[in-house]
N, C-alpha and C. Protein backbone atom coordinates (compact mmCIF):
# COMPACT_ATOMS: atom_id res chain seq x y z
N ARG A 1 86.68 142.89 95.90
CA ARG A 1 87.04 143.77 94.79
C ARG A 1 85.84 144.17 93.94
N GLY A 2 84.65 143.78 94.37
CA GLY A 2 83.44 144.21 93.68
C GLY A 2 82.86 143.25 92.68
N TYR A 3 83.48 142.11 92.47
CA TYR A 3 82.92 141.13 91.54
C TYR A 3 81.66 140.48 92.11
N ARG A 4 80.75 140.08 91.24
CA ARG A 4 79.62 139.25 91.65
C ARG A 4 80.05 137.80 91.46
N VAL A 5 80.05 137.04 92.53
CA VAL A 5 80.67 135.71 92.53
C VAL A 5 79.63 134.61 92.74
N THR A 6 79.71 133.58 91.92
CA THR A 6 78.91 132.37 92.10
C THR A 6 79.85 131.24 92.51
N LEU A 7 79.56 130.62 93.65
CA LEU A 7 80.34 129.48 94.12
C LEU A 7 79.50 128.22 93.97
N ALA A 8 79.89 127.35 93.05
CA ALA A 8 79.19 126.08 92.84
C ALA A 8 79.99 124.99 93.54
N GLU A 9 79.45 124.48 94.63
CA GLU A 9 80.11 123.44 95.42
C GLU A 9 79.57 122.07 95.03
N ALA A 10 80.48 121.16 94.66
CA ALA A 10 80.05 119.84 94.20
C ALA A 10 79.35 119.04 95.30
N GLU A 11 79.80 119.21 96.55
CA GLU A 11 79.23 118.44 97.65
C GLU A 11 78.19 119.27 98.41
N GLU A 12 77.51 118.61 99.33
CA GLU A 12 76.52 119.29 100.14
C GLU A 12 77.18 120.22 101.16
N LYS A 13 78.35 119.81 101.67
CA LYS A 13 79.08 120.60 102.65
C LYS A 13 80.20 121.38 101.98
N LEU A 14 80.41 122.61 102.42
CA LEU A 14 81.53 123.40 101.92
C LEU A 14 82.82 122.92 102.58
N GLY A 15 83.93 123.23 101.94
CA GLY A 15 85.22 122.93 102.56
C GLY A 15 86.01 121.83 101.89
N GLY A 16 85.34 120.99 101.11
CA GLY A 16 86.05 119.96 100.35
C GLY A 16 86.98 119.11 101.20
N ARG A 17 88.23 119.09 100.80
CA ARG A 17 89.23 118.26 101.46
C ARG A 17 89.40 118.61 102.93
N VAL A 18 89.31 119.89 103.28
CA VAL A 18 89.45 120.30 104.67
C VAL A 18 88.34 119.69 105.52
N THR A 19 87.12 119.69 105.01
CA THR A 19 86.00 119.10 105.75
C THR A 19 86.19 117.61 105.95
N ARG A 20 86.62 116.90 104.91
CA ARG A 20 86.79 115.45 105.02
C ARG A 20 87.94 115.09 105.96
N GLU A 21 89.08 115.75 105.78
CA GLU A 21 90.26 115.36 106.54
C GLU A 21 90.21 115.81 107.99
N SER A 22 89.42 116.83 108.31
CA SER A 22 89.35 117.28 109.70
C SER A 22 88.66 116.27 110.60
N ALA A 23 88.05 115.23 110.00
CA ALA A 23 87.44 114.17 110.80
C ALA A 23 88.45 113.10 111.20
N LEU A 24 89.68 113.19 110.71
CA LEU A 24 90.71 112.21 111.03
C LEU A 24 91.40 112.56 112.35
N PRO A 25 92.04 111.58 113.00
CA PRO A 25 92.69 111.83 114.29
C PRO A 25 93.72 112.95 114.23
N GLY A 26 93.61 113.89 115.15
CA GLY A 26 94.58 114.97 115.27
C GLY A 26 94.40 116.13 114.32
N LEU A 27 93.40 116.07 113.45
CA LEU A 27 93.25 117.11 112.42
C LEU A 27 91.98 117.95 112.61
N SER A 28 91.30 117.81 113.74
CA SER A 28 90.03 118.51 113.92
C SER A 28 90.16 120.02 113.85
N ALA A 29 91.32 120.56 114.24
CA ALA A 29 91.51 122.01 114.22
C ALA A 29 91.47 122.58 112.81
N TRP A 30 91.71 121.72 111.81
CA TRP A 30 91.69 122.21 110.42
C TRP A 30 90.33 122.77 110.04
N ALA A 31 89.27 122.32 110.70
CA ALA A 31 87.92 122.78 110.36
C ALA A 31 87.78 124.29 110.59
N ARG A 32 88.64 124.86 111.42
CA ARG A 32 88.58 126.30 111.66
C ARG A 32 88.85 127.10 110.39
N VAL A 33 89.68 126.54 109.51
CA VAL A 33 89.97 127.21 108.23
C VAL A 33 88.68 127.34 107.42
N ARG A 34 87.94 126.25 107.34
CA ARG A 34 86.65 126.28 106.62
C ARG A 34 85.66 127.21 107.31
N ASP A 35 85.54 127.08 108.62
CA ASP A 35 84.54 127.86 109.35
C ASP A 35 84.79 129.36 109.21
N TYR A 36 86.05 129.76 109.26
CA TYR A 36 86.38 131.19 109.12
C TYR A 36 85.98 131.69 107.73
N ARG A 37 86.35 130.93 106.71
CA ARG A 37 86.07 131.39 105.34
C ARG A 37 84.57 131.42 105.05
N VAL A 38 83.86 130.40 105.51
CA VAL A 38 82.41 130.39 105.31
C VAL A 38 81.78 131.57 106.03
N GLY A 39 82.25 131.86 107.22
CA GLY A 39 81.72 133.01 107.96
C GLY A 39 81.95 134.32 107.24
N GLN A 40 83.12 134.46 106.63
CA GLN A 40 83.43 135.69 105.87
C GLN A 40 82.55 135.80 104.63
N ILE A 41 82.37 134.67 103.93
CA ILE A 41 81.56 134.67 102.71
C ILE A 41 80.10 135.03 103.02
N GLN A 42 79.60 134.51 104.12
CA GLN A 42 78.19 134.75 104.46
C GLN A 42 77.89 136.21 104.75
N LYS A 43 78.89 137.01 105.00
CA LYS A 43 78.70 138.44 105.23
C LYS A 43 78.57 139.22 103.92
N MET A 44 78.92 138.57 102.82
CA MET A 44 79.01 139.26 101.53
C MET A 44 77.71 139.12 100.74
N THR A 45 77.19 140.23 100.30
CA THR A 45 75.94 140.22 99.54
C THR A 45 76.15 139.91 98.06
N ASN A 46 77.38 139.95 97.60
CA ASN A 46 77.66 139.71 96.17
C ASN A 46 78.17 138.30 95.91
N VAL A 47 77.97 137.37 96.87
CA VAL A 47 78.38 135.97 96.69
C VAL A 47 77.16 135.07 96.82
N GLU A 48 76.94 134.23 95.80
CA GLU A 48 75.88 133.23 95.82
C GLU A 48 76.51 131.84 95.93
N ILE A 49 75.99 131.02 96.82
CA ILE A 49 76.53 129.68 97.02
C ILE A 49 75.48 128.65 96.62
N TYR A 50 75.89 127.72 95.76
CA TYR A 50 75.02 126.62 95.34
C TYR A 50 75.69 125.31 95.76
N ARG A 51 75.08 124.62 96.72
CA ARG A 51 75.62 123.36 97.21
C ARG A 51 75.14 122.19 96.36
N ALA A 52 75.86 121.08 96.47
CA ALA A 52 75.52 119.86 95.72
C ALA A 52 75.32 120.18 94.24
N SER A 53 76.23 120.97 93.70
CA SER A 53 76.10 121.44 92.31
C SER A 53 77.36 121.08 91.52
N ARG A 54 77.49 119.81 91.21
CA ARG A 54 78.61 119.36 90.38
C ARG A 54 78.30 119.70 88.93
N LEU A 55 79.13 120.53 88.32
CA LEU A 55 78.85 121.06 86.98
C LEU A 55 79.74 120.42 85.92
N SER A 56 79.17 120.26 84.74
CA SER A 56 79.97 119.87 83.58
C SER A 56 80.55 121.13 82.94
N ALA A 57 81.45 120.96 82.00
CA ALA A 57 82.02 122.12 81.31
C ALA A 57 80.94 122.93 80.61
N GLU A 58 79.97 122.23 80.01
CA GLU A 58 78.88 122.90 79.31
C GLU A 58 78.04 123.74 80.27
N GLN A 59 77.78 123.19 81.45
CA GLN A 59 76.99 123.93 82.44
C GLN A 59 77.72 125.15 82.97
N VAL A 60 79.04 125.04 83.09
CA VAL A 60 79.83 126.20 83.51
C VAL A 60 79.71 127.32 82.47
N LEU A 61 79.79 126.95 81.20
CA LEU A 61 79.70 127.95 80.13
C LEU A 61 78.32 128.60 80.10
N GLU A 62 77.29 127.83 80.43
CA GLU A 62 75.93 128.36 80.41
C GLU A 62 75.72 129.47 81.45
N LEU A 63 76.54 129.49 82.48
CA LEU A 63 76.42 130.53 83.50
C LEU A 63 76.81 131.90 82.96
N GLY A 64 77.59 131.91 81.90
CA GLY A 64 77.95 133.18 81.27
C GLY A 64 78.90 134.05 82.09
N ALA A 65 79.73 133.43 82.94
CA ALA A 65 80.66 134.20 83.77
C ALA A 65 81.79 134.78 82.93
N ASP A 66 82.27 135.94 83.32
CA ASP A 66 83.41 136.56 82.63
C ASP A 66 84.71 135.85 82.96
N HIS A 67 84.79 135.31 84.17
CA HIS A 67 85.99 134.60 84.61
C HIS A 67 85.56 133.33 85.35
N VAL A 68 86.32 132.26 85.16
CA VAL A 68 86.02 130.98 85.81
C VAL A 68 87.26 130.48 86.54
N ALA A 69 87.12 130.18 87.81
CA ALA A 69 88.18 129.54 88.58
C ALA A 69 87.77 128.10 88.85
N VAL A 70 88.60 127.16 88.45
CA VAL A 70 88.28 125.74 88.59
C VAL A 70 89.13 125.17 89.73
N ALA A 71 88.46 124.71 90.78
CA ALA A 71 89.15 124.11 91.93
C ALA A 71 88.57 122.73 92.17
N THR A 72 89.08 121.75 91.42
CA THR A 72 88.47 120.42 91.42
C THR A 72 89.30 119.36 92.14
N GLY A 73 90.44 119.74 92.69
CA GLY A 73 91.19 118.83 93.54
C GLY A 73 91.84 117.67 92.81
N ALA A 74 92.05 116.58 93.57
CA ALA A 74 92.74 115.42 93.04
C ALA A 74 92.22 114.15 93.71
N THR A 75 92.49 113.01 93.09
CA THR A 75 92.06 111.71 93.59
C THR A 75 93.27 110.85 93.90
N TRP A 76 93.26 110.17 95.04
CA TRP A 76 94.36 109.27 95.38
C TRP A 76 94.42 108.11 94.40
N ARG A 77 95.60 107.82 93.91
CA ARG A 77 95.78 106.75 92.92
C ARG A 77 95.54 105.39 93.56
N ARG A 78 95.02 104.48 92.75
CA ARG A 78 94.72 103.13 93.21
C ARG A 78 95.74 102.10 92.74
N ASP A 79 96.74 102.51 91.98
CA ASP A 79 97.67 101.54 91.41
C ASP A 79 99.02 101.48 92.13
N GLY A 80 99.22 102.30 93.17
CA GLY A 80 100.46 102.25 93.91
C GLY A 80 101.56 103.16 93.40
N TYR A 81 101.31 103.86 92.30
CA TYR A 81 102.31 104.78 91.75
C TYR A 81 102.53 105.92 92.74
N GLY A 82 103.81 106.16 93.09
CA GLY A 82 104.10 107.21 94.07
C GLY A 82 105.47 107.81 93.87
N ARG A 83 106.13 108.15 94.99
CA ARG A 83 107.45 108.76 94.91
C ARG A 83 108.54 107.72 94.64
N HIS A 84 108.41 106.57 95.29
CA HIS A 84 109.42 105.52 95.16
C HIS A 84 109.07 104.56 94.03
N LEU A 85 107.82 104.14 93.99
CA LEU A 85 107.38 103.23 92.93
C LEU A 85 106.85 104.02 91.75
N THR A 86 107.36 103.74 90.58
CA THR A 86 106.95 104.49 89.39
C THR A 86 106.26 103.59 88.35
N SER A 87 105.71 102.48 88.83
CA SER A 87 104.90 101.61 87.98
C SER A 87 103.85 100.96 88.86
N PRO A 88 102.72 100.54 88.29
CA PRO A 88 101.65 99.96 89.10
C PRO A 88 102.10 98.73 89.87
N VAL A 89 101.53 98.55 91.05
CA VAL A 89 101.81 97.38 91.89
C VAL A 89 100.93 96.23 91.43
N PRO A 90 101.50 95.07 91.10
CA PRO A 90 100.67 93.92 90.71
C PRO A 90 99.65 93.58 91.80
N GLY A 91 98.40 93.41 91.39
CA GLY A 91 97.34 93.07 92.33
C GLY A 91 96.66 94.27 92.97
N SER A 92 97.09 95.49 92.61
CA SER A 92 96.52 96.68 93.25
C SER A 92 95.07 96.94 92.85
N GLY A 93 94.59 96.26 91.83
CA GLY A 93 93.20 96.44 91.41
C GLY A 93 92.21 95.56 92.16
N ALA A 94 92.68 94.78 93.13
CA ALA A 94 91.80 93.88 93.88
C ALA A 94 90.82 94.66 94.75
N ALA A 95 89.71 94.01 95.08
CA ALA A 95 88.65 94.68 95.83
C ALA A 95 89.06 95.03 97.24
N HIS A 96 90.04 94.31 97.81
CA HIS A 96 90.45 94.58 99.19
C HIS A 96 91.58 95.62 99.27
N VAL A 97 91.84 96.30 98.16
CA VAL A 97 92.82 97.39 98.14
C VAL A 97 92.07 98.71 98.13
N LEU A 98 92.34 99.55 99.12
CA LEU A 98 91.64 100.82 99.29
C LEU A 98 92.62 101.98 99.20
N THR A 99 92.05 103.19 99.14
CA THR A 99 92.85 104.42 99.13
C THR A 99 92.34 105.34 100.24
N PRO A 100 93.05 106.43 100.54
CA PRO A 100 92.53 107.39 101.51
C PRO A 100 91.15 107.92 101.16
N ASP A 101 90.84 108.07 99.87
CA ASP A 101 89.51 108.54 99.48
C ASP A 101 88.43 107.59 99.98
N ASP A 102 88.69 106.29 99.95
CA ASP A 102 87.73 105.32 100.45
C ASP A 102 87.52 105.48 101.95
N ILE A 103 88.61 105.64 102.68
CA ILE A 103 88.52 105.81 104.13
C ILE A 103 87.78 107.09 104.47
N LEU A 104 88.07 108.17 103.76
CA LEU A 104 87.40 109.45 104.01
C LEU A 104 85.92 109.39 103.67
N ALA A 105 85.57 108.48 102.75
CA ALA A 105 84.16 108.32 102.37
C ALA A 105 83.40 107.41 103.34
N GLY A 106 84.11 106.88 104.35
CA GLY A 106 83.46 106.06 105.35
C GLY A 106 83.63 104.56 105.18
N LEU A 107 84.30 104.12 104.11
CA LEU A 107 84.54 102.70 103.92
C LEU A 107 85.59 102.21 104.90
N ARG A 108 85.52 100.95 105.30
CA ARG A 108 86.50 100.36 106.19
C ARG A 108 87.03 99.07 105.57
N PRO A 109 88.30 98.75 105.85
CA PRO A 109 88.92 97.58 105.22
C PRO A 109 88.26 96.28 105.65
N PRO A 110 88.15 95.32 104.74
CA PRO A 110 87.65 94.00 105.13
C PRO A 110 88.72 93.24 105.91
N GLY A 111 88.31 92.45 106.88
CA GLY A 111 89.26 91.67 107.66
C GLY A 111 89.92 92.49 108.75
N GLY A 112 90.69 91.82 109.59
CA GLY A 112 91.29 92.51 110.74
C GLY A 112 92.72 92.96 110.56
N LYS A 113 93.45 92.36 109.60
CA LYS A 113 94.85 92.70 109.40
C LYS A 113 95.00 93.66 108.20
N VAL A 114 95.55 94.84 108.45
CA VAL A 114 95.65 95.86 107.41
C VAL A 114 97.11 96.25 107.21
N LEU A 115 97.52 96.31 105.95
CA LEU A 115 98.83 96.86 105.62
C LEU A 115 98.62 98.20 104.92
N ILE A 116 99.21 99.26 105.46
CA ILE A 116 99.18 100.57 104.82
C ILE A 116 100.55 100.80 104.20
N PHE A 117 100.57 101.05 102.89
CA PHE A 117 101.84 101.34 102.22
C PHE A 117 101.91 102.83 101.94
N ASP A 118 102.90 103.49 102.55
CA ASP A 118 103.05 104.94 102.46
C ASP A 118 104.20 105.30 101.54
N ASP A 119 103.85 105.77 100.34
CA ASP A 119 104.86 106.29 99.41
C ASP A 119 104.61 107.78 99.17
N ASP A 120 103.86 108.40 100.10
CA ASP A 120 103.56 109.83 100.08
C ASP A 120 104.44 110.56 101.09
N HIS A 121 104.66 109.92 102.25
CA HIS A 121 105.64 110.36 103.25
C HIS A 121 105.25 111.61 104.03
N TYR A 122 103.96 111.93 104.06
CA TYR A 122 103.55 113.05 104.90
C TYR A 122 102.61 112.51 105.98
N TYR A 123 101.49 113.17 106.25
CA TYR A 123 100.66 112.83 107.40
C TYR A 123 99.57 111.80 107.13
N MET A 124 99.14 111.65 105.88
CA MET A 124 97.92 110.89 105.60
C MET A 124 98.00 109.43 106.05
N ALA A 125 99.08 108.75 105.71
CA ALA A 125 99.20 107.34 106.10
C ALA A 125 99.16 107.18 107.61
N SER A 126 99.80 108.09 108.32
CA SER A 126 99.87 108.00 109.78
C SER A 126 98.51 108.17 110.44
N VAL A 127 97.74 109.17 109.99
CA VAL A 127 96.44 109.40 110.63
C VAL A 127 95.46 108.28 110.31
N ILE A 128 95.55 107.70 109.12
CA ILE A 128 94.69 106.56 108.80
C ILE A 128 95.10 105.35 109.64
N ALA A 129 96.40 105.16 109.81
CA ALA A 129 96.88 104.06 110.64
C ALA A 129 96.38 104.20 112.07
N GLU A 130 96.45 105.40 112.61
CA GLU A 130 95.97 105.65 113.97
C GLU A 130 94.46 105.43 114.07
N LEU A 131 93.72 105.92 113.08
CA LEU A 131 92.27 105.75 113.08
C LEU A 131 91.89 104.28 113.12
N LEU A 132 92.50 103.47 112.26
CA LEU A 132 92.13 102.06 112.17
C LEU A 132 92.61 101.27 113.38
N SER A 133 93.81 101.58 113.87
CA SER A 133 94.35 100.85 115.00
C SER A 133 93.51 101.07 116.26
N THR A 134 93.03 102.29 116.44
CA THR A 134 92.24 102.60 117.63
C THR A 134 90.79 102.12 117.52
N THR A 135 90.43 101.59 116.35
CA THR A 135 89.08 101.03 116.20
C THR A 135 89.12 99.52 116.02
N GLY A 136 90.24 98.89 116.40
CA GLY A 136 90.28 97.44 116.47
C GLY A 136 91.05 96.70 115.39
N TYR A 137 91.58 97.40 114.41
CA TYR A 137 92.35 96.73 113.36
C TYR A 137 93.80 96.49 113.81
N GLU A 138 94.39 95.44 113.28
CA GLU A 138 95.83 95.19 113.45
C GLU A 138 96.53 95.85 112.26
N VAL A 139 97.24 96.94 112.52
CA VAL A 139 97.75 97.79 111.43
C VAL A 139 99.27 97.72 111.35
N ASN A 140 99.75 97.49 110.14
CA ASN A 140 101.17 97.58 109.82
C ASN A 140 101.36 98.72 108.85
N LEU A 141 102.29 99.62 109.14
CA LEU A 141 102.54 100.78 108.30
C LEU A 141 103.93 100.65 107.68
N ALA A 142 103.97 100.43 106.36
CA ALA A 142 105.22 100.22 105.65
C ALA A 142 105.55 101.41 104.78
N THR A 143 106.84 101.74 104.70
CA THR A 143 107.31 102.82 103.84
C THR A 143 108.70 102.49 103.31
N PRO A 144 109.03 102.90 102.08
CA PRO A 144 110.36 102.60 101.54
C PRO A 144 111.47 103.37 102.24
N LEU A 145 111.14 104.46 102.91
CA LEU A 145 112.16 105.31 103.54
C LEU A 145 112.53 104.78 104.92
N ALA A 146 113.62 105.31 105.45
CA ALA A 146 114.10 104.87 106.76
C ALA A 146 113.32 105.50 107.90
N THR A 147 112.52 106.53 107.59
CA THR A 147 111.77 107.26 108.60
C THR A 147 110.28 107.24 108.25
N ILE A 148 109.44 107.00 109.25
CA ILE A 148 107.99 107.03 109.05
C ILE A 148 107.55 108.50 108.93
N GLY A 149 106.76 108.81 107.89
CA GLY A 149 106.31 110.18 107.70
C GLY A 149 107.48 111.14 107.56
N ALA A 150 108.41 110.81 106.68
CA ALA A 150 109.68 111.53 106.61
C ALA A 150 109.53 113.03 106.39
N TRP A 151 108.55 113.46 105.61
CA TRP A 151 108.41 114.89 105.33
C TRP A 151 108.08 115.68 106.60
N MET A 152 107.52 115.00 107.60
CA MET A 152 107.15 115.67 108.84
C MET A 152 108.38 116.12 109.65
N VAL A 153 109.54 115.65 109.28
CA VAL A 153 110.77 116.19 109.88
C VAL A 153 110.86 117.69 109.60
N ASN A 154 110.43 118.10 108.41
CA ASN A 154 110.49 119.51 108.02
C ASN A 154 109.47 120.37 108.76
N THR A 155 108.40 119.75 109.24
CA THR A 155 107.37 120.50 109.96
C THR A 155 107.46 120.29 111.48
N LEU A 156 108.55 119.63 111.90
CA LEU A 156 108.83 119.39 113.33
C LEU A 156 107.74 118.54 113.99
N GLU A 157 107.11 117.66 113.23
CA GLU A 157 106.04 116.82 113.76
C GLU A 157 106.40 115.33 113.80
N GLN A 158 107.52 114.96 113.18
CA GLN A 158 107.79 113.54 112.96
C GLN A 158 107.90 112.75 114.26
N GLY A 159 108.61 113.30 115.24
CA GLY A 159 108.79 112.59 116.50
C GLY A 159 107.48 112.35 117.22
N ALA A 160 106.67 113.40 117.33
CA ALA A 160 105.37 113.28 118.01
C ALA A 160 104.45 112.35 117.24
N ASN A 161 104.51 112.41 115.91
CA ASN A 161 103.68 111.55 115.08
C ASN A 161 104.03 110.09 115.29
N GLN A 162 105.32 109.78 115.31
CA GLN A 162 105.74 108.39 115.50
C GLN A 162 105.36 107.88 116.89
N GLU A 163 105.44 108.75 117.87
CA GLU A 163 105.06 108.37 119.23
C GLU A 163 103.57 108.03 119.29
N ARG A 164 102.74 108.84 118.63
CA ARG A 164 101.29 108.58 118.59
C ARG A 164 101.00 107.23 117.95
N LEU A 165 101.73 106.92 116.88
CA LEU A 165 101.51 105.65 116.19
C LEU A 165 101.86 104.47 117.09
N LEU A 166 102.98 104.55 117.78
CA LEU A 166 103.39 103.46 118.66
C LEU A 166 102.42 103.31 119.83
N GLU A 167 101.96 104.42 120.37
CA GLU A 167 100.99 104.36 121.46
C GLU A 167 99.66 103.78 121.01
N SER A 168 99.35 103.95 119.71
CA SER A 168 98.09 103.43 119.17
C SER A 168 98.19 101.96 118.80
N GLY A 169 99.38 101.38 118.91
CA GLY A 169 99.57 99.97 118.61
C GLY A 169 99.90 99.66 117.16
N VAL A 170 100.29 100.66 116.38
CA VAL A 170 100.65 100.46 114.97
C VAL A 170 102.05 99.88 114.89
N THR A 171 102.23 98.84 114.08
CA THR A 171 103.55 98.27 113.82
C THR A 171 104.21 99.03 112.69
N LEU A 172 105.38 99.59 112.94
CA LEU A 172 106.08 100.41 111.96
C LEU A 172 107.08 99.56 111.17
N MET A 173 107.04 99.73 109.83
CA MET A 173 107.90 98.93 108.96
C MET A 173 108.65 99.85 107.99
N PRO A 174 109.68 100.56 108.46
CA PRO A 174 110.48 101.40 107.56
C PRO A 174 111.34 100.54 106.63
N ASN A 175 111.90 101.16 105.61
CA ASN A 175 112.77 100.46 104.64
C ASN A 175 112.06 99.28 103.99
N THR A 176 110.75 99.41 103.80
CA THR A 176 109.96 98.29 103.27
C THR A 176 109.13 98.75 102.08
N THR A 177 109.29 98.07 100.97
CA THR A 177 108.59 98.41 99.73
C THR A 177 107.57 97.34 99.37
N LEU A 178 106.40 97.77 98.94
CA LEU A 178 105.36 96.84 98.51
C LEU A 178 105.66 96.37 97.09
N LEU A 179 105.75 95.04 96.91
CA LEU A 179 106.03 94.47 95.60
C LEU A 179 104.78 93.99 94.89
N ALA A 180 103.86 93.38 95.64
CA ALA A 180 102.65 92.82 95.02
C ALA A 180 101.59 92.59 96.09
N VAL A 181 100.33 92.62 95.65
CA VAL A 181 99.20 92.33 96.52
C VAL A 181 98.57 91.03 96.07
N GLU A 182 98.36 90.13 97.02
CA GLU A 182 97.75 88.84 96.71
C GLU A 182 96.57 88.62 97.66
N ALA A 183 95.88 87.52 97.50
CA ALA A 183 94.77 87.20 98.38
C ALA A 183 95.29 86.81 99.76
N GLY A 184 94.98 87.62 100.76
CA GLY A 184 95.38 87.31 102.13
C GLY A 184 96.80 87.64 102.50
N GLN A 185 97.57 88.17 101.55
CA GLN A 185 98.94 88.51 101.87
C GLN A 185 99.51 89.51 100.87
N VAL A 186 100.68 90.04 101.23
CA VAL A 186 101.41 90.95 100.33
C VAL A 186 102.86 90.50 100.24
N SER A 187 103.49 90.86 99.14
CA SER A 187 104.92 90.63 98.98
C SER A 187 105.64 91.94 99.26
N LEU A 188 106.66 91.88 100.12
CA LEU A 188 107.39 93.07 100.53
C LEU A 188 108.88 92.88 100.28
N HIS A 189 109.58 94.01 100.12
CA HIS A 189 111.04 93.96 100.01
C HIS A 189 111.65 94.76 101.14
N ASP A 190 112.52 94.12 101.90
CA ASP A 190 113.24 94.76 103.00
C ASP A 190 114.58 95.25 102.44
N SER A 191 114.73 96.56 102.31
CA SER A 191 115.94 97.09 101.69
C SER A 191 117.16 97.03 102.61
N VAL A 192 116.96 96.89 103.90
CA VAL A 192 118.09 96.76 104.84
C VAL A 192 118.68 95.35 104.77
N ARG A 193 117.80 94.36 104.86
CA ARG A 193 118.26 92.96 104.79
C ARG A 193 118.47 92.49 103.35
N GLY A 194 117.84 93.20 102.42
CA GLY A 194 118.04 92.87 101.01
C GLY A 194 117.31 91.63 100.55
N HIS A 195 116.15 91.32 101.14
CA HIS A 195 115.41 90.15 100.68
C HIS A 195 113.92 90.42 100.68
N ASP A 196 113.20 89.57 99.95
CA ASP A 196 111.75 89.68 99.85
C ASP A 196 111.08 88.79 100.89
N THR A 197 109.91 89.23 101.36
CA THR A 197 109.17 88.46 102.35
C THR A 197 107.69 88.47 102.01
N GLU A 198 106.95 87.50 102.57
CA GLU A 198 105.51 87.46 102.47
C GLU A 198 104.92 87.88 103.81
N HIS A 199 103.86 88.69 103.78
CA HIS A 199 103.27 89.20 105.02
C HIS A 199 101.76 89.07 104.93
N LYS A 200 101.13 88.55 105.99
CA LYS A 200 99.68 88.39 105.98
C LYS A 200 98.98 89.75 106.01
N ALA A 201 97.97 89.89 105.18
CA ALA A 201 97.19 91.13 105.13
C ALA A 201 95.83 90.84 104.52
N ASP A 202 94.78 91.12 105.30
CA ASP A 202 93.43 90.95 104.77
C ASP A 202 93.05 92.07 103.81
N SER A 203 93.68 93.23 104.00
CA SER A 203 93.40 94.37 103.14
C SER A 203 94.63 95.27 103.08
N VAL A 204 94.66 96.11 102.06
CA VAL A 204 95.79 97.00 101.81
C VAL A 204 95.26 98.40 101.54
N ILE A 205 95.93 99.39 102.11
CA ILE A 205 95.58 100.78 101.82
C ILE A 205 96.80 101.44 101.18
N LEU A 206 96.62 101.95 99.98
CA LEU A 206 97.71 102.59 99.25
C LEU A 206 97.66 104.10 99.44
N VAL A 207 98.70 104.64 100.07
CA VAL A 207 98.82 106.09 100.25
C VAL A 207 100.07 106.48 99.47
N THR A 208 99.89 106.79 98.20
CA THR A 208 101.05 106.96 97.33
C THR A 208 101.12 108.33 96.66
N SER A 209 100.20 108.61 95.75
CA SER A 209 100.17 109.93 95.10
C SER A 209 98.77 110.18 94.58
N ARG A 210 98.55 111.39 94.09
CA ARG A 210 97.21 111.77 93.63
C ARG A 210 97.24 112.22 92.17
N THR A 211 96.12 112.00 91.49
CA THR A 211 95.96 112.44 90.11
C THR A 211 95.00 113.62 90.07
N PRO A 212 95.39 114.73 89.44
CA PRO A 212 94.51 115.91 89.39
C PRO A 212 93.20 115.62 88.67
N GLU A 213 92.12 116.19 89.18
CA GLU A 213 90.82 116.09 88.53
C GLU A 213 90.69 117.27 87.57
N ASP A 214 91.23 117.10 86.38
CA ASP A 214 91.25 118.20 85.42
C ASP A 214 89.90 118.44 84.76
């Protein structure tokens, strides 16, 4: 439309979340979205790109732009707050509790036994479970719902997703809610049987909800 545009990218690579998540199992095709857009931008003489340029509000104002679009994304919560749980999980602040952001940044869980608690119900918990299981971890995937990755029913992916998880050696734990995180174990509630259990876990990954980076 004729505007002179400055794109300040906080990271060295363009694409943000698409770039990070396309490295996960089954999501490599997502990189095409980034590649197409970068290719289109590079054809434009009125667009300037500055990489590794995380700006403060004051620095944004110093640019003197007539219009500012802020696309700063969100961070996965570390306290377990999600769709089903609406209060922090006791013990969620421990060092062996990770989030998808940690996994995407290259961190790996300590120990061999991992419990992933999915209160997001889409694809993220499943792809992390597959990633870790295929690299030697013993992975248990728990969710409060009766179906693993329940939202994927709407995208016609749920059946294939569950098959991939089983083939990867992931133990599926539907109808299971995380109550607390302790050293070497977690407390879980089985809503079908109606009782609480203790389960061994060297580390926990919380896939629950995200907080906007305002």
